[in-house]
Amino acid sequence: MQDLTTRLARLTRPRILTCAAQVGADSYDRRRDLIRLIGHLPRSGPAMIQLFELEDMLNAARTDGTGTYRPPDHLSVLIALIAEARLLGEQTG
């Protein structure tokens, strides 16, 4: 299995979504944002695993065209993934 940062780097999403997420990651507040998204504050690695699960569901909604897709929710998860990857890099590097 590929590591979490490699998985994030290989994620292909619309450019506008990834650019917005990169900008948004600078103002990420872990306590506020992560609790809202997954309900608790695990370490960065386990948080990223849960965020990837959410992102997979959101991306499926985006691509299936059923009308359940909400871009702000997808953006929030991508912001959290990028910010958590940065934190993970600081913890391990």
PDB file of N, CA and C in Angstrom:
ATOM      1  N   MET A   1       0.845  -1.189   0.000  1.00  0.00           N
ATOM      2  CA  MET A   1       0.000   0.000   0.000  1.00  0.00           C
ATOM      3  C   MET A   1       0.886   1.246   0.000  1.00  0.00           C
ATOM      4  N   GLN A   2       0.504   2.212  -0.803  1.00  0.00           N
ATOM      5  CA  GLN A   2       1.300   3.436  -0.872  1.00  0.00           C
ATOM      6  C   GLN A   2       1.106   4.268   0.398  1.00  0.00           C
ATOM      7  N   ASP A   3       2.118   5.042   0.739  1.00  0.00           N
ATOM      8  CA  ASP A   3       1.982   5.856   1.934  1.00  0.00           C
ATOM      9  C   ASP A   3       1.001   6.996   1.681  1.00  0.00           C
ATOM     10  N   LEU A   4       0.590   7.636   2.759  1.00  0.00           N
ATOM     11  CA  LEU A   4      -0.478   8.630   2.688  1.00  0.00           C
ATOM     12  C   LEU A   4      -0.109   9.853   1.862  1.00  0.00           C
ATOM     13  N   THR A   5       1.115  10.324   2.003  1.00  0.00           N
ATOM     14  CA  THR A   5       1.500  11.513   1.239  1.00  0.00           C
ATOM     15  C   THR A   5       1.620  11.199  -0.253  1.00  0.00           C
ATOM     16  N   THR A   6       2.057   9.986  -0.582  1.00  0.00           N
ATOM     17  CA  THR A   6       2.110   9.577  -1.983  1.00  0.00           C
ATOM     18  C   THR A   6       0.703   9.468  -2.549  1.00  0.00           C
ATOM     19  N   ARG A   7      -0.191   8.910  -1.759  1.00  0.00           N
ATOM     20  CA  ARG A   7      -1.587   8.806  -2.203  1.00  0.00           C
ATOM     21  C   ARG A   7      -2.169  10.191  -2.476  1.00  0.00           C
ATOM     22  N   LEU A   8      -1.874  11.139  -1.604  1.00  0.00           N
ATOM     23  CA  LEU A   8      -2.364  12.505  -1.807  1.00  0.00           C
ATOM     24  C   LEU A   8      -1.746  13.121  -3.059  1.00  0.00           C
ATOM     25  N   ALA A   9      -0.457  12.914  -3.249  1.00  0.00           N
ATOM     26  CA  ALA A   9       0.227  13.478  -4.415  1.00  0.00           C
ATOM     27  C   ALA A   9      -0.314  12.911  -5.726  1.00  0.00           C
ATOM     28  N   ARG A  10      -0.779  11.688  -5.696  1.00  0.00           N
ATOM     29  CA  ARG A  10      -1.284  11.043  -6.914  1.00  0.00           C
ATOM     30  C   ARG A  10      -2.770  11.296  -7.157  1.00  0.00           C
ATOM     31  N   LEU A  11      -3.414  11.972  -6.236  1.00  0.00           N
ATOM     32  CA  LEU A  11      -4.835  12.276  -6.380  1.00  0.00           C
ATOM     33  C   LEU A  11      -5.044  13.239  -7.545  1.00  0.00           C
ATOM     34  N   THR A  12      -5.910  12.898  -8.456  1.00  0.00           N
ATOM     35  CA  THR A  12      -6.201  13.786  -9.586  1.00  0.00           C
ATOM     36  C   THR A  12      -7.641  14.269  -9.471  1.00  0.00           C
ATOM     37  N   ARG A  13      -7.767  15.547  -9.273  1.00  0.00           N
ATOM     38  CA  ARG A  13      -9.065  16.202  -9.144  1.00  0.00           C
ATOM     39  C   ARG A  13      -9.041  17.458 -10.000  1.00  0.00           C
ATOM     40  N   PRO A  14     -10.203  18.059 -10.253  1.00  0.00           N
ATOM     41  CA  PRO A  14     -10.215  19.285 -11.060  1.00  0.00           C
ATOM     42  C   PRO A  14      -9.262  20.336 -10.497  1.00  0.00           C
ATOM     43  N   ARG A  15      -8.559  20.984 -11.394  1.00  0.00           N
ATOM     44  CA  ARG A  15      -7.528  21.956 -11.007  1.00  0.00           C
ATOM     45  C   ARG A  15      -8.066  23.053 -10.095  1.00  0.00           C
ATOM     46  N   ILE A  16      -9.247  23.552 -10.373  1.00  0.00           N
ATOM     47  CA  ILE A  16      -9.795  24.625  -9.547  1.00  0.00           C
ATOM     48  C   ILE A  16     -10.003  24.143  -8.109  1.00  0.00           C
ATOM     49  N   LEU A  17     -10.387  22.891  -7.953  1.00  0.00           N
ATOM     50  CA  LEU A  17     -10.604  22.318  -6.628  1.00  0.00           C
ATOM     51  C   LEU A  17      -9.283  22.147  -5.882  1.00  0.00           C
ATOM     52  N   THR A  18      -8.266  21.630  -6.559  1.00  0.00           N
ATOM     53  CA  THR A  18      -6.981  21.423  -5.887  1.00  0.00           C
ATOM     54  C   THR A  18      -6.278  22.745  -5.579  1.00  0.00           C
ATOM     55  N   CYS A  19      -6.386  23.710  -6.473  1.00  0.00           N
ATOM     56  CA  CYS A  19      -5.776  25.027  -6.210  1.00  0.00           C
ATOM     57  C   CYS A  19      -6.443  25.702  -5.020  1.00  0.00           C
ATOM     58  N   ALA A  20      -7.762  25.649  -4.978  1.00  0.00           N
ATOM     59  CA  ALA A  20      -8.489  26.246  -3.854  1.00  0.00           C
ATOM     60  C   ALA A  20      -8.132  25.544  -2.546  1.00  0.00           C
ATOM     61  N   ALA A  21      -7.980  24.233  -2.588  1.00  0.00           N
ATOM     62  CA  ALA A  21      -7.627  23.482  -1.386  1.00  0.00           C
ATOM     63  C   ALA A  21      -6.226  23.838  -0.896  1.00  0.00           C
ATOM     64  N   GLN A  22      -5.292  24.033  -1.808  1.00  0.00           N
ATOM     65  CA  GLN A  22      -3.934  24.412  -1.412  1.00  0.00           C
ATOM     66  C   GLN A  22      -3.930  25.770  -0.726  1.00  0.00           C
ATOM     67  N   VAL A  23      -4.712  26.693  -1.245  1.00  0.00           N
ATOM     68  CA  VAL A  23      -4.809  28.017  -0.619  1.00  0.00           C
ATOM     69  C   VAL A  23      -5.497  27.895   0.737  1.00  0.00           C
ATOM     70  N   GLY A  24      -6.582  27.140   0.788  1.00  0.00           N
ATOM     71  CA  GLY A  24      -7.338  26.984   2.027  1.00  0.00           C
ATOM     72  C   GLY A  24      -6.568  26.290   3.133  1.00  0.00           C
ATOM     73  N   ALA A  25      -5.630  25.433   2.767  1.00  0.00           N
ATOM     74  CA  ALA A  25      -4.855  24.703   3.775  1.00  0.00           C
ATOM     75  C   ALA A  25      -4.039  25.640   4.657  1.00  0.00           C
ATOM     76  N   ASP A  26      -3.722  26.822   4.147  1.00  0.00           N
ATOM     77  CA  ASP A  26      -2.954  27.783   4.944  1.00  0.00           C
ATOM     78  C   ASP A  26      -3.748  28.311   6.138  1.00  0.00           C
ATOM     79  N   SER A  27      -5.075  28.288   6.061  1.00  0.00           N
ATOM     80  CA  SER A  27      -5.887  28.787   7.174  1.00  0.00           C
ATOM     81  C   SER A  27      -6.612  27.652   7.901  1.00  0.00           C
ATOM     82  N   TYR A  28      -6.143  26.438   7.713  1.00  0.00           N
ATOM     83  CA  TYR A  28      -6.722  25.256   8.364  1.00  0.00           C
ATOM     84  C   TYR A  28      -6.547  25.350   9.869  1.00  0.00           C
ATOM     85  N   ASP A  29      -7.618  25.128  10.582  1.00  0.00           N
ATOM     86  CA  ASP A  29      -7.600  25.067  12.043  1.00  0.00           C
ATOM     87  C   ASP A  29      -8.005  23.645  12.424  1.00  0.00           C
ATOM     88  N   ARG A  30      -7.047  22.879  12.855  1.00  0.00           N
ATOM     89  CA  ARG A  30      -7.265  21.452  13.095  1.00  0.00           C
ATOM     90  C   ARG A  30      -8.418  21.187  14.052  1.00  0.00           C
ATOM     91  N   ARG A  31      -8.429  21.890  15.167  1.00  0.00           N
ATOM     92  CA  ARG A  31      -9.496  21.662  16.156  1.00  0.00           C
ATOM     93  C   ARG A  31     -10.871  21.972  15.574  1.00  0.00           C
ATOM     94  N   ARG A  32     -10.982  23.051  14.903  1.00  0.00           N
ATOM     95  CA  ARG A  32     -12.276  23.451  14.327  1.00  0.00           C
ATOM     96  C   ARG A  32     -12.658  22.551  13.152  1.00  0.00           C
ATOM     97  N   ASP A  33     -11.751  22.402  12.210  1.00  0.00           N
ATOM     98  CA  ASP A  33     -12.093  21.764  10.941  1.00  0.00           C
ATOM     99  C   ASP A  33     -12.137  20.238  11.012  1.00  0.00           C
ATOM    100  N   LEU A  34     -11.180  19.639  11.686  1.00  0.00           N
ATOM    101  CA  LEU A  34     -11.145  18.178  11.729  1.00  0.00           C
ATOM    102  C   LEU A  34     -12.301  17.625  12.558  1.00  0.00           C
ATOM    103  N   ILE A  35     -12.608  18.273  13.662  1.00  0.00           N
ATOM    104  CA  ILE A  35     -13.743  17.824  14.473  1.00  0.00           C
ATOM    105  C   ILE A  35     -15.038  17.922  13.668  1.00  0.00           C
ATOM    106  N   ARG A  36     -15.182  18.985  12.904  1.00  0.00           N
ATOM    107  CA  ARG A  36     -16.389  19.142  12.081  1.00  0.00           C
ATOM    108  C   ARG A  36     -16.476  18.039  11.024  1.00  0.00           C
ATOM    109  N   LEU A  37     -15.347  17.640  10.478  1.00  0.00           N
ATOM    110  CA  LEU A  37     -15.344  16.654   9.392  1.00  0.00           C
ATOM    111  C   LEU A  37     -15.457  15.208   9.874  1.00  0.00           C
ATOM    112  N   ILE A  38     -14.692  14.856  10.919  1.00  0.00           N
ATOM    113  CA  ILE A  38     -14.690  13.447  11.340  1.00  0.00           C
ATOM    114  C   ILE A  38     -15.102  13.234  12.795  1.00  0.00           C
ATOM    115  N   GLY A  39     -15.351  14.313  13.525  1.00  0.00           N
ATOM    116  CA  GLY A  39     -15.909  14.180  14.866  1.00  0.00           C
ATOM    117  C   GLY A  39     -14.924  14.014  16.007  1.00  0.00           C
ATOM    118  N   HIS A  40     -13.648  13.940  15.727  1.00  0.00           N
ATOM    119  CA  HIS A  40     -12.643  13.812  16.790  1.00  0.00           C
ATOM    120  C   HIS A  40     -11.281  14.247  16.264  1.00  0.00           C
ATOM    121  N   LEU A  41     -10.260  14.180  17.137  1.00  0.00           N
ATOM    122  CA  LEU A  41      -8.917  14.660  16.786  1.00  0.00           C
ATOM    123  C   LEU A  41      -7.873  13.545  16.887  1.00  0.00           C
ATOM    124  N   PRO A  42      -7.855  12.624  15.939  1.00  0.00           N
ATOM    125  CA  PRO A  42      -6.804  11.608  15.954  1.00  0.00           C
ATOM    126  C   PRO A  42      -5.483  12.205  15.470  1.00  0.00           C
ATOM    127  N   ARG A  43      -4.421  11.423  15.570  1.00  0.00           N
ATOM    128  CA  ARG A  43      -3.150  11.863  14.996  1.00  0.00           C
ATOM    129  C   ARG A  43      -3.317  12.017  13.487  1.00  0.00           C
ATOM    130  N   SER A  44      -2.352  12.664  12.861  1.00  0.00           N
ATOM    131  CA  SER A  44      -2.480  13.004  11.440  1.00  0.00           C
ATOM    132  C   SER A  44      -2.637  11.789  10.528  1.00  0.00           C
ATOM    133  N   GLY A  45      -1.889  10.724  10.765  1.00  0.00           N
ATOM    134  CA  GLY A  45      -1.992   9.536   9.914  1.00  0.00           C
ATOM    135  C   GLY A  45      -3.392   8.934   9.925  1.00  0.00           C
ATOM    136  N   PRO A  46      -3.915   8.581  11.104  1.00  0.00           N
ATOM    137  CA  PRO A  46      -5.282   8.058  11.151  1.00  0.00           C
ATOM    138  C   PRO A  46      -6.328   9.055  10.646  1.00  0.00           C
ATOM    139  N   ALA A  47      -6.096  10.335  10.882  1.00  0.00           N
ATOM    140  CA  ALA A  47      -7.025  11.352  10.371  1.00  0.00           C
ATOM    141  C   ALA A  47      -7.043  11.321   8.849  1.00  0.00           C
ATOM    142  N   MET A  48      -5.875  11.204   8.243  1.00  0.00           N
ATOM    143  CA  MET A  48      -5.807  11.177   6.779  1.00  0.00           C
ATOM    144  C   MET A  48      -6.526   9.958   6.206  1.00  0.00           C
ATOM    145  N   ILE A  49      -6.426   8.827   6.870  1.00  0.00           N
ATOM    146  CA  ILE A  49      -7.126   7.631   6.398  1.00  0.00           C
ATOM    147  C   ILE A  49      -8.633   7.881   6.378  1.00  0.00           C
ATOM    148  N   GLN A  50      -9.153   8.479   7.449  1.00  0.00           N
ATOM    149  CA  GLN A  50     -10.586   8.787   7.497  1.00  0.00           C
ATOM    150  C   GLN A  50     -10.958   9.842   6.461  1.00  0.00           C
ATOM    151  N   LEU A  51     -10.097  10.820   6.289  1.00  0.00           N
ATOM    152  CA  LEU A  51     -10.367  11.865   5.300  1.00  0.00           C
ATOM    153  C   LEU A  51     -10.350  11.303   3.877  1.00  0.00           C
ATOM    154  N   PHE A  52      -9.453  10.365   3.596  1.00  0.00           N
ATOM    155  CA  PHE A  52      -9.437   9.735   2.272  1.00  0.00           C
ATOM    156  C   PHE A  52     -10.739   8.974   2.018  1.00  0.00           C
ATOM    157  N   GLU A  53     -11.275   8.331   3.052  1.00  0.00           N
ATOM    158  CA  GLU A  53     -12.553   7.632   2.891  1.00  0.00           C
ATOM    159  C   GLU A  53     -13.661   8.621   2.542  1.00  0.00           C
ATOM    160  N   LEU A  54     -13.694   9.747   3.244  1.00  0.00           N
ATOM    161  CA  LEU A  54     -14.676  10.794   2.935  1.00  0.00           C
ATOM    162  C   LEU A  54     -14.476  11.335   1.526  1.00  0.00           C
ATOM    163  N   GLU A  55     -13.228  11.583   1.179  1.00  0.00           N
ATOM    164  CA  GLU A  55     -12.926  12.145  -0.134  1.00  0.00           C
ATOM    165  C   GLU A  55     -13.343  11.193  -1.243  1.00  0.00           C
ATOM    166  N   ASP A  56     -13.144   9.901  -1.044  1.00  0.00           N
ATOM    167  CA  ASP A  56     -13.571   8.912  -2.041  1.00  0.00           C
ATOM    168  C   ASP A  56     -15.080   8.985  -2.267  1.00  0.00           C
ATOM    169  N   MET A  57     -15.843   9.107  -1.179  1.00  0.00           N
ATOM    170  CA  MET A  57     -17.301   9.204  -1.302  1.00  0.00           C
ATOM    171  C   MET A  57     -17.711  10.496  -2.007  1.00  0.00           C
ATOM    172  N   LEU A  58     -17.062  11.596  -1.641  1.00  0.00           N
ATOM    173  CA  LEU A  58     -17.391  12.876  -2.262  1.00  0.00           C
ATOM    174  C   LEU A  58     -17.033  12.880  -3.744  1.00  0.00           C
ATOM    175  N   ASN A  59     -15.903  12.304  -4.078  1.00  0.00           N
ATOM    176  CA  ASN A  59     -15.512  12.264  -5.482  1.00  0.00           C
ATOM    177  C   ASN A  59     -16.449  11.369  -6.288  1.00  0.00           C
ATOM    178  N   ALA A  60     -16.902  10.283  -5.691  1.00  0.00           N
ATOM    179  CA  ALA A  60     -17.878   9.426  -6.374  1.00  0.00           C
ATOM    180  C   ALA A  60     -19.165  10.206  -6.640  1.00  0.00           C
ATOM    181  N   ALA A  61     -19.598  10.992  -5.668  1.00  0.00           N
ATOM    182  CA  ALA A  61     -20.796  11.819  -5.864  1.00  0.00           C
ATOM    183  C   ALA A  61     -20.562  12.851  -6.968  1.00  0.00           C
ATOM    184  N   ARG A  62     -19.342  13.375  -7.029  1.00  0.00           N
ATOM    185  CA  ARG A  62     -19.015  14.361  -8.067  1.00  0.00           C
ATOM    186  C   ARG A  62     -19.098  13.740  -9.454  1.00  0.00           C
ATOM    187  N   THR A  63     -18.589  12.542  -9.595  1.00  0.00           N
ATOM    188  CA  THR A  63     -18.502  11.933 -10.922  1.00  0.00           C
ATOM    189  C   THR A  63     -19.755  11.176 -11.343  1.00  0.00           C
ATOM    190  N   ASP A  64     -20.614  10.793 -10.400  1.00  0.00           N
ATOM    191  CA  ASP A  64     -21.781   9.994 -10.802  1.00  0.00           C
ATOM    192  C   ASP A  64     -22.958  10.831 -11.284  1.00  0.00           C
ATOM    193  N   GLY A  65     -22.933  12.129 -11.006  1.00  0.00           N
ATOM    194  CA  GLY A  65     -23.959  13.017 -11.535  1.00  0.00           C
ATOM    195  C   GLY A  65     -25.344  12.856 -10.942  1.00  0.00           C
ATOM    196  N   THR A  66     -25.440  12.342  -9.725  1.00  0.00           N
ATOM    197  CA  THR A  66     -26.758  12.133  -9.123  1.00  0.00           C
ATOM    198  C   THR A  66     -27.332  13.381  -8.466  1.00  0.00           C
ATOM    199  N   GLY A  67     -26.551  14.420  -8.351  1.00  0.00           N
ATOM    200  CA  GLY A  67     -27.038  15.651  -7.743  1.00  0.00           C
ATOM    201  C   GLY A  67     -26.794  15.756  -6.251  1.00  0.00           C
ATOM    202  N   THR A  68     -26.102  14.785  -5.673  1.00  0.00           N
ATOM    203  CA  THR A  68     -25.829  14.832  -4.235  1.00  0.00           C
ATOM    204  C   THR A  68     -24.496  15.500  -3.907  1.00  0.00           C
ATOM    205  N   TYR A  69     -23.749  15.867  -4.919  1.00  0.00           N
ATOM    206  CA  TYR A  69     -22.411  16.438  -4.730  1.00  0.00           C
ATOM    207  C   TYR A  69     -22.485  17.869  -4.235  1.00  0.00           C
ATOM    208  N   ARG A  70     -21.668  18.155  -3.202  1.00  0.00           N
ATOM    209  CA  ARG A  70     -21.558  19.514  -2.671  1.00  0.00           C
ATOM    210  C   ARG A  70     -20.091  19.932  -2.714  1.00  0.00           C
ATOM    211  N   PRO A  71     -19.730  20.804  -3.669  1.00  0.00           N
ATOM    212  CA  PRO A  71     -18.335  21.230  -3.800  1.00  0.00           C
ATOM    213  C   PRO A  71     -17.727  21.792  -2.512  1.00  0.00           C
ATOM    214  N   PRO A  72     -18.453  22.581  -1.702  1.00  0.00           N
ATOM    215  CA  PRO A  72     -17.823  23.083  -0.473  1.00  0.00           C
ATOM    216  C   PRO A  72     -17.400  21.964   0.482  1.00  0.00           C
ATOM    217  N   ASP A  73     -18.179  20.886   0.537  1.00  0.00           N
ATOM    218  CA  ASP A  73     -17.810  19.756   1.392  1.00  0.00           C
ATOM    219  C   ASP A  73     -16.539  19.082   0.870  1.00  0.00           C
ATOM    220  N   HIS A  74     -16.472  18.901  -0.429  1.00  0.00           N
ATOM    221  CA  HIS A  74     -15.299  18.279  -1.045  1.00  0.00           C
ATOM    222  C   HIS A  74     -14.062  19.144  -0.806  1.00  0.00           C
ATOM    223  N   LEU A  75     -14.227  20.432  -0.978  1.00  0.00           N
ATOM    224  CA  LEU A  75     -13.125  21.364  -0.749  1.00  0.00           C
ATOM    225  C   LEU A  75     -12.637  21.290   0.693  1.00  0.00           C
ATOM    226  N   SER A  76     -13.555  21.239   1.649  1.00  0.00           N
ATOM    227  CA  SER A  76     -13.172  21.156   3.062  1.00  0.00           C
ATOM    228  C   SER A  76     -12.343  19.914   3.352  1.00  0.00           C
ATOM    229  N   VAL A  77     -12.722  18.798   2.765  1.00  0.00           N
ATOM    230  CA  VAL A  77     -11.981  17.551   2.976  1.00  0.00           C
ATOM    231  C   VAL A  77     -10.604  17.622   2.322  1.00  0.00           C
ATOM    232  N   LEU A  78     -10.525  18.172   1.127  1.00  0.00           N
ATOM    233  CA  LEU A  78      -9.219  18.312   0.466  1.00  0.00           C
ATOM    234  C   LEU A  78      -8.307  19.264   1.226  1.00  0.00           C
ATOM    235  N   ILE A  79      -8.861  20.342   1.756  1.00  0.00           N
ATOM    236  CA  ILE A  79      -8.079  21.261   2.589  1.00  0.00           C
ATOM    237  C   ILE A  79      -7.506  20.508   3.781  1.00  0.00           C
ATOM    238  N   ALA A  80      -8.354  19.740   4.456  1.00  0.00           N
ATOM    239  CA  ALA A  80      -7.902  18.986   5.627  1.00  0.00           C
ATOM    240  C   ALA A  80      -6.834  17.963   5.248  1.00  0.00           C
ATOM    241  N   LEU A  81      -6.999  17.284   4.130  1.00  0.00           N
ATOM    242  CA  LEU A  81      -5.992  16.311   3.692  1.00  0.00           C
ATOM    243  C   LEU A  81      -4.636  16.967   3.466  1.00  0.00           C
ATOM    244  N   ILE A  82      -4.640  18.089   2.781  1.00  0.00           N
ATOM    245  CA  ILE A  82      -3.379  18.793   2.511  1.00  0.00           C
ATOM    246  C   ILE A  82      -2.740  19.263   3.813  1.00  0.00           C
ATOM    247  N   ALA A  83      -3.534  19.849   4.685  1.00  0.00           N
ATOM    248  CA  ALA A  83      -3.000  20.358   5.950  1.00  0.00           C
ATOM    249  C   ALA A  83      -2.505  19.226   6.847  1.00  0.00           C
ATOM    250  N   GLU A  84      -3.233  18.129   6.900  1.00  0.00           N
ATOM    251  CA  GLU A  84      -2.799  16.992   7.714  1.00  0.00           C
ATOM    252  C   GLU A  84      -1.525  16.375   7.149  1.00  0.00           C
ATOM    253  N   ALA A  85      -1.382  16.353   5.838  1.00  0.00           N
ATOM    254  CA  ALA A  85      -0.142  15.851   5.229  1.00  0.00           C
ATOM    255  C   ALA A  85       1.035  16.734   5.620  1.00  0.00           C
ATOM    256  N   ARG A  86       0.808  18.027   5.654  1.00  0.00           N
ATOM    257  CA  ARG A  86       1.868  18.945   6.094  1.00  0.00           C
ATOM    258  C   ARG A  86       2.254  18.661   7.540  1.00  0.00           C
ATOM    259  N   LEU A  87       1.244  18.474   8.393  1.00  0.00           N
ATOM    260  CA  LEU A  87       1.518  18.174   9.801  1.00  0.00           C
ATOM    261  C   LEU A  87       2.249  16.844   9.945  1.00  0.00           C
ATOM    262  N   LEU A  88       1.839  15.859   9.181  1.00  0.00           N
ATOM    263  CA  LEU A  88       2.491  14.555   9.218  1.00  0.00           C
ATOM    264  C   LEU A  88       3.955  14.679   8.805  1.00  0.00           C
ATOM    265  N   GLY A  89       4.220  15.489   7.796  1.00  0.00           N
ATOM    266  CA  GLY A  89       5.594  15.728   7.364  1.00  0.00           C
ATOM    267  C   GLY A  89       6.428  16.390   8.442  1.00  0.00           C
ATOM    268  N   GLU A  90       5.821  17.312   9.183  1.00  0.00           N
ATOM    269  CA  GLU A  90       6.529  17.977  10.281  1.00  0.00           C
ATOM    270  C   GLU A  90       6.816  16.995  11.410  1.00  0.00           C
ATOM    271  N   GLN A  91       5.885  16.077  11.665  1.00  0.00           N
ATOM    272  CA  GLN A  91       6.037  15.113  12.752  1.00  0.00           C
ATOM    273  C   GLN A  91       7.095  14.065  12.437  1.00  0.00           C
ATOM    274  N   THR A  92       7.196  13.682  11.162  1.00  0.00           N
ATOM    275  CA  THR A  92       8.127  12.614  10.792  1.00  0.00           C
ATOM    276  C   THR A  92       9.435  13.129  10.219  1.00  0.00           C
ATOM    277  N   GLY A  93       9.442  14.401   9.823  1.00  0.00           N
ATOM    278  CA  GLY A  93      10.635  14.936   9.166  1.00  0.00           C
ATOM    279  C   GLY A  93      11.416  15.748  10.062  1.00  0.00           C
TER     280      GLY A  93
END
